[in-house]
Amino acid sequence: MKFLFLMEPLESVNFLKDTTYVLMLAAAQKGHEIYYVPKQGISKRNKDILFHATKVVPLRDENILFDVQGKVRLKGSDADVVFLRPDPPFDQDYLMSTWLLDLLPPSVFVFNRPGGVRCVNEKIWASQFDDLVPSTLVSCYHAELLAFMEEVQDVIAKPTDGFGGQGVFLIKKDDPNKRVILETLTKNESQKIILQRYIPEARKGDKRILLLNGEPLGAILRLHSNDDHRNNFFSGGKPYAAELTPRDLEIIERLKPFLLEMGLFFVGIDIIGEYLIEVNVTSPTCLQEMNRAYDKQLEFDVIDFVEHVHASRPAV
């Protein structure tokens, strides 16, 4: 089958960390043709969706990750599976990609479903489950934000569309810089941000759990460095093996029907202590870290699932 990966540039792939890379490796090992599609590489002409793609053979070689075999233009009906894997933020280009992918024929399996990705803001969507998340405020107004901080004391402040720990602040109740931080993040009350009550268990790390078809595929604990409060790997966090707790499983069961209804089959959820923090649907990561922690190759579970779903779809 033809597997297309809409993703970041090939030269940006990290041999030791990139989840998309090991998915490509596993698909190729199972005999599928692999195509790289840049974020801007989708067009529509009349009734046809067109992919401006590059055929590649992923190599398990740290020095040469891909054998690039040449550029091609594929019709949507030529594809079997499209992996929607650009990194966040979910911006106008990402939104346009989801609209165009919605127009593919039903024989093409898009993983995750574009409409589901559009519906889930990774920072805000989880807040509807108010018994699962820490006390949360989404606002741009300084008076509201300061009142919330007065009520809950220490908070985490972050943008609504950030990733990799960018723009995430731990603000203590007596921090003399709290007003200027709010001014900066909200761009003087012109842009909404998120405040969440700080969970002290964050000092022990946060848990990333990958879900496949609503079930836990693997889990890893991310622990911050000594000079940073942020646990994610982009900010210097380190991975450690993690066990699923009864509370983790309770959270997963609550989310599962919502995720499956939206076609969000590959999802990363972040949990601190007893609380759900984020639901990541655009380009969930940490597969390689889980593989190393448990001596597994979880990417093959993902490709097996994709093959199974595609086999059940109508032919062109």
Protein backbone atom coordinates (compact mmCIF):
# COMPACT_ATOMS: atom_id res chain seq x y z
CA MET A 1 0.00 0.00 0.00
CA LYS A 2 0.96 3.64 -0.39
CA PHE A 3 1.50 5.30 3.00
CA LEU A 4 1.76 9.09 2.88
CA PHE A 5 3.19 11.05 5.81
CA LEU A 6 2.19 14.71 6.01
CA MET A 7 4.90 15.93 8.34
CA GLU A 8 7.76 18.28 9.15
CA PRO A 9 10.73 18.40 6.70
CA LEU A 10 12.79 15.21 6.43
CA GLU A 11 15.94 17.05 7.52
CA SER A 12 14.29 17.93 10.84
CA VAL A 13 13.74 14.28 11.84
CA ASN A 14 15.50 13.25 15.06
CA PHE A 15 16.86 9.70 14.82
CA LEU A 16 16.48 8.97 18.54
CA LYS A 17 13.24 10.79 19.31
CA ASP A 18 10.98 11.12 16.30
CA THR A 19 7.79 9.04 16.49
CA THR A 20 6.89 9.63 12.84
CA TYR A 21 10.26 8.23 11.79
CA VAL A 22 9.76 4.87 13.52
CA LEU A 23 6.23 4.63 12.12
CA MET A 24 7.74 5.07 8.64
CA LEU A 25 10.36 2.42 9.41
CA ALA A 26 7.76 -0.08 10.58
CA ALA A 27 5.48 0.54 7.58
CA ALA A 28 8.39 0.10 5.18
CA GLN A 29 9.49 -3.09 6.93
CA LYS A 30 5.98 -4.45 6.38
CA GLY A 31 6.31 -3.81 2.66
CA HIS A 32 4.45 -0.53 2.19
CA GLU A 33 5.59 2.30 -0.08
CA ILE A 34 6.51 5.42 1.90
CA TYR A 35 5.93 8.99 0.71
CA TYR A 36 6.85 12.22 2.42
CA VAL A 37 4.41 15.12 1.94
CA PRO A 38 5.41 18.59 3.18
CA LYS A 39 2.88 20.65 5.10
CA GLN A 40 2.15 22.76 2.02
CA GLY A 41 2.06 19.73 -0.27
CA ILE A 42 -1.69 19.28 -0.76
CA SER A 43 -3.58 20.85 -3.68
CA LYS A 44 -7.08 20.58 -5.12
CA ARG A 45 -7.84 20.75 -8.81
CA ASN A 46 -11.51 20.42 -9.72
CA LYS A 47 -12.59 17.19 -8.00
CA ASP A 48 -9.08 15.86 -7.39
CA ILE A 49 -6.96 16.17 -4.26
CA LEU A 50 -3.30 16.14 -5.28
CA PHE A 51 -0.26 15.32 -3.14
CA HIS A 52 3.13 16.78 -4.02
CA ALA A 53 5.12 13.95 -2.51
CA THR A 54 8.61 12.49 -2.33
CA LYS A 55 9.04 8.74 -2.37
CA VAL A 56 11.51 7.66 0.30
CA VAL A 57 12.89 4.51 1.86
CA PRO A 58 13.49 5.07 5.58
CA LEU A 59 16.81 3.64 6.73
CA ARG A 60 17.73 2.56 10.24
CA ASP A 61 20.93 4.58 9.99
CA GLU A 62 21.69 7.57 12.20
CA ASN A 63 23.80 9.18 9.47
CA ILE A 64 21.44 8.59 6.52
CA LEU A 65 17.83 8.44 7.68
CA PHE A 66 16.23 8.26 4.21
CA ASP A 67 16.99 7.07 0.72
CA VAL A 68 15.22 9.80 -1.26
CA GLN A 69 13.97 8.31 -4.52
CA GLY A 70 12.34 11.28 -6.22
CA LYS A 71 9.37 13.58 -6.33
CA VAL A 72 5.98 12.48 -7.60
CA ARG A 73 2.47 13.90 -7.81
CA LEU A 74 -0.20 11.55 -6.57
CA LYS A 75 -3.97 11.80 -6.83
CA GLY A 76 -5.87 11.32 -3.61
CA SER A 77 -7.27 8.05 -4.90
CA ASP A 78 -3.70 6.77 -5.36
CA ALA A 79 -3.12 6.89 -1.60
CA ASP A 80 -4.15 4.19 0.86
CA VAL A 81 -3.25 5.82 4.18
CA VAL A 82 -2.35 9.40 5.10
CA PHE A 83 -0.65 9.99 8.46
CA LEU A 84 -1.53 13.51 9.66
CA ARG A 85 1.70 14.32 11.55
CA PRO A 86 2.74 18.00 11.30
CA ASP A 87 3.87 19.45 14.61
CA PRO A 88 1.63 21.98 16.35
CA PRO A 89 0.67 24.77 16.60
CA PHE A 90 -2.66 24.21 14.91
CA ASP A 91 -2.43 27.26 12.66
CA GLN A 92 -4.10 28.35 9.40
CA ASP A 93 -1.93 26.01 7.29
CA TYR A 94 -2.79 23.05 9.53
CA LEU A 95 -6.48 23.95 9.34
CA MET A 96 -6.33 24.15 5.53
CA SER A 97 -4.72 20.70 5.40
CA THR A 98 -7.59 19.21 7.41
CA TRP A 99 -10.18 20.76 5.11
CA LEU A 100 -8.49 19.34 2.01
CA LEU A 101 -7.98 15.92 3.57
CA ASP A 102 -11.70 15.79 4.34
CA LEU A 103 -12.30 15.69 0.57
CA LEU A 104 -10.38 12.46 -0.01
CA PRO A 105 -12.36 9.44 -1.20
CA PRO A 106 -13.62 7.11 1.57
CA SER A 107 -11.12 4.44 0.49
CA VAL A 108 -8.29 6.55 2.00
CA PHE A 109 -7.74 6.24 5.75
CA VAL A 110 -6.52 9.49 7.33
CA PHE A 111 -4.91 8.85 10.71
CA ASN A 112 -6.05 10.84 12.81
CA ARG A 113 -9.36 11.96 11.28
CA PRO A 114 -9.02 15.61 10.20
CA GLY A 115 -12.37 16.67 11.67
CA GLY A 116 -11.40 15.24 15.05
CA VAL A 117 -8.09 17.09 15.03
CA ARG A 118 -9.96 20.32 14.25
CA CYS A 119 -12.30 19.79 17.22
CA VAL A 120 -9.68 19.22 19.91
CA ASN A 121 -7.55 22.07 21.15
CA GLU A 122 -4.85 20.17 22.98
CA LYS A 123 -4.84 22.55 25.94
CA ILE A 124 -8.54 23.41 26.29
CA TRP A 125 -10.58 20.38 25.17
CA ALA A 126 -9.84 18.37 28.33
CA SER A 127 -11.22 21.13 30.56
CA GLN A 128 -14.79 19.96 29.88
CA PHE A 129 -14.03 17.05 32.22
CA ASP A 130 -13.88 19.28 35.26
CA ASP A 131 -13.56 16.38 37.69
CA LEU A 132 -10.46 15.11 35.86
CA VAL A 133 -8.49 18.35 35.40
CA PRO A 134 -7.07 20.85 37.90
CA SER A 135 -8.97 24.11 38.40
CA THR A 136 -8.64 25.96 35.07
CA LEU A 137 -9.30 29.41 33.66
CA VAL A 138 -9.17 30.46 30.00
CA SER A 139 -9.19 34.23 29.64
CA CYS A 140 -7.28 37.26 28.41
CA TYR A 141 -8.48 39.68 31.09
CA HIS A 142 -5.96 40.52 33.77
CA ALA A 143 -8.57 41.10 36.47
CA GLU A 144 -10.00 37.60 35.94
CA LEU A 145 -6.55 36.03 35.78
CA LEU A 146 -5.34 37.77 38.94
CA ALA A 147 -8.51 36.86 40.83
CA PHE A 148 -8.05 33.22 39.84
CA MET A 149 -4.44 33.31 41.05
CA GLU A 150 -5.58 34.83 44.35
CA GLU A 151 -8.03 31.94 44.76
CA VAL A 152 -5.81 28.97 43.83
CA GLN A 153 -2.40 30.44 44.71
CA ASP A 154 0.38 28.90 42.58
CA VAL A 155 -0.51 28.42 38.90
CA ILE A 156 0.84 27.22 35.58
CA ALA A 157 0.30 29.81 32.83
CA LYS A 158 0.54 28.80 29.17
CA PRO A 159 -0.62 29.80 25.68
CA THR A 160 -3.61 28.01 24.19
CA ASP A 161 -1.66 26.82 21.13
CA GLY A 162 1.87 26.19 22.40
CA PHE A 163 3.91 23.01 22.28
CA GLY A 164 7.21 21.69 23.59
CA GLY A 165 6.90 23.71 26.80
CA GLN A 166 7.17 27.03 24.97
CA GLY A 167 5.72 29.95 26.90
CA VAL A 168 4.88 27.88 29.99
CA PHE A 169 5.38 29.66 33.31
CA LEU A 170 5.12 28.54 36.92
CA ILE A 171 3.83 31.61 38.77
CA LYS A 172 4.04 31.57 42.56
CA LYS A 173 1.41 33.43 44.57
CA ASP A 174 3.96 36.04 45.70
CA ASP A 175 5.83 36.34 42.38
CA PRO A 176 6.53 40.05 41.80
CA ASN A 177 6.61 39.41 38.02
CA LYS A 178 3.11 37.91 37.74
CA ARG A 179 1.57 41.02 36.19
CA VAL A 180 4.24 41.41 33.55
CA ILE A 181 4.04 37.68 32.73
CA LEU A 182 0.28 38.03 32.19
CA GLU A 183 0.78 41.15 30.08
CA THR A 184 3.32 39.32 27.93
CA LEU A 185 1.33 36.09 27.47
CA THR A 186 -1.98 37.85 26.78
CA LYS A 187 -0.35 40.51 24.63
CA ASN A 188 -2.03 43.13 26.80
CA GLU A 189 -5.44 41.44 27.01
CA SER A 190 -5.68 40.69 23.28
CA GLN A 191 -5.01 36.93 23.40
CA LYS A 192 -6.48 34.23 25.63
CA ILE A 193 -4.21 32.11 27.81
CA ILE A 194 -4.71 29.20 30.20
CA LEU A 195 -4.15 29.23 33.94
CA GLN A 196 -4.24 25.96 35.86
CA ARG A 197 -3.76 25.32 39.53
CA TYR A 198 -0.22 24.06 40.04
CA ILE A 199 -0.11 20.39 40.98
CA PRO A 200 2.76 19.78 43.47
CA GLU A 201 3.20 16.22 42.12
CA ALA A 202 4.70 17.86 39.04
CA ARG A 203 7.96 17.86 40.98
CA LYS A 204 7.94 14.08 40.47
CA GLY A 205 7.30 14.41 36.72
CA ASP A 206 4.35 14.06 34.38
CA LYS A 207 3.18 10.90 32.69
CA ARG A 208 2.68 10.69 28.92
CA ILE A 209 0.34 7.85 27.95
CA LEU A 210 -0.12 6.94 24.30
CA LEU A 211 -3.54 5.60 23.36
CA LEU A 212 -4.19 3.44 20.32
CA ASN A 213 -7.86 2.98 19.46
CA GLY A 214 -8.73 4.23 22.94
CA GLU A 215 -6.53 1.72 24.77
CA PRO A 216 -3.16 2.38 26.45
CA LEU A 217 -0.27 1.54 24.15
CA GLY A 218 2.51 2.65 26.51
CA ALA A 219 3.46 5.15 29.19
CA ILE A 220 6.55 7.10 30.14
CA LEU A 221 7.36 9.45 33.01
CA ARG A 222 8.95 12.74 31.98
CA LEU A 223 10.98 14.41 34.73
CA HIS A 224 12.31 17.95 34.52
CA SER A 225 15.95 18.95 34.84
CA ASN A 226 17.23 20.55 38.05
CA ASP A 227 17.04 24.07 36.63
CA ASP A 228 13.60 23.97 34.94
CA HIS A 229 10.03 23.21 36.11
CA ARG A 230 8.94 21.89 32.68
CA ASN A 231 8.90 18.11 32.29
CA ASN A 232 8.62 17.76 28.51
CA PHE A 233 11.61 16.52 26.52
CA PHE A 234 11.94 19.69 24.41
CA SER A 235 12.73 21.55 27.63
CA GLY A 236 15.29 19.07 28.97
CA GLY A 237 13.08 16.49 30.67
CA LYS A 238 14.28 12.88 30.91
CA PRO A 239 12.25 9.68 30.37
CA TYR A 240 11.69 6.99 32.99
CA ALA A 241 9.58 3.83 33.00
CA ALA A 242 6.06 4.35 34.37
CA GLU A 243 3.19 2.14 35.51
CA LEU A 244 -0.47 2.85 34.88
CA THR A 245 -2.49 3.54 38.04
CA PRO A 246 -6.22 2.93 38.62
CA ARG A 247 -6.73 6.70 38.25
CA ASP A 248 -4.92 6.65 34.87
CA LEU A 249 -7.22 3.88 33.68
CA GLU A 250 -10.29 5.76 34.94
CA ILE A 251 -9.24 8.83 32.92
CA ILE A 252 -8.63 6.72 29.81
CA GLU A 253 -12.05 5.07 30.05
CA ARG A 254 -13.75 8.46 30.36
CA LEU A 255 -11.98 9.83 27.28
CA LYS A 256 -12.21 6.73 25.10
CA PRO A 257 -15.76 7.08 23.68
CA PHE A 258 -15.22 10.76 22.85
CA LEU A 259 -11.91 10.10 21.09
CA LEU A 260 -13.18 7.16 19.07
CA GLU A 261 -16.32 9.02 17.99
CA MET A 262 -14.07 11.74 16.53
CA GLY A 263 -11.71 9.27 14.84
CA LEU A 264 -8.80 10.16 17.13
CA PHE A 265 -7.14 6.78 17.19
CA PHE A 266 -3.59 7.79 18.15
CA VAL A 267 -3.55 10.19 21.08
CA GLY A 268 -1.12 11.24 23.79
CA ILE A 269 -2.54 12.25 27.17
CA ASP A 270 -0.53 13.96 29.91
CA ILE A 271 -1.28 13.24 33.56
CA ILE A 272 0.22 14.81 36.69
CA GLY A 273 -0.62 13.07 39.93
CA GLU A 274 -4.38 12.45 39.79
CA TYR A 275 -5.11 15.05 37.11
CA LEU A 276 -5.44 15.10 33.32
CA ILE A 277 -3.48 18.06 31.92
CA GLU A 278 -3.57 17.82 28.11
CA VAL A 279 -4.88 15.67 25.26
CA ASN A 280 -2.46 15.65 22.30
CA VAL A 281 -3.94 14.78 18.92
CA THR A 282 -1.91 16.64 16.27
CA SER A 283 1.38 14.72 16.42
CA PRO A 284 1.66 12.61 19.59
CA THR A 285 5.22 11.64 20.48
CA CYS A 286 7.27 9.56 22.96
CA LEU A 287 7.02 6.22 21.12
CA GLN A 288 10.80 5.80 20.93
CA GLU A 289 11.26 6.61 24.62
CA MET A 290 8.66 3.95 25.49
CA ASN A 291 10.35 1.42 23.23
CA ARG A 292 13.67 1.90 25.01
CA ALA A 293 12.11 1.81 28.47
CA TYR A 294 10.32 -1.49 27.85
CA ASP A 295 12.40 -3.05 25.05
CA LYS A 296 9.46 -3.04 22.64
CA GLN A 297 8.66 -1.95 19.09
CA LEU A 298 5.29 -0.35 19.65
CA GLU A 299 5.27 1.21 16.19
CA PHE A 300 4.31 -2.18 14.74
CA ASP A 301 1.15 -2.18 16.89
CA VAL A 302 0.24 1.14 15.29
CA ILE A 303 0.89 -0.06 11.72
CA ASP A 304 -1.05 -3.29 12.36
CA PHE A 305 -4.02 -1.22 13.51
CA VAL A 306 -3.82 1.05 10.47
CA GLU A 307 -3.70 -1.95 8.13
CA HIS A 308 -6.73 -3.47 9.84
CA VAL A 309 -8.80 -0.29 9.57
CA HIS A 310 -7.82 0.27 5.94
CA ALA A 311 -8.82 -3.28 5.03
CA SER A 312 -12.35 -2.57 6.27
CA ARG A 313 -12.80 0.55 4.10
CA PRO A 314 -14.64 0.56 0.75
CA ALA A 315 -12.63 0.15 -2.42
CA VAL A 316 -12.31 3.06 -4.88
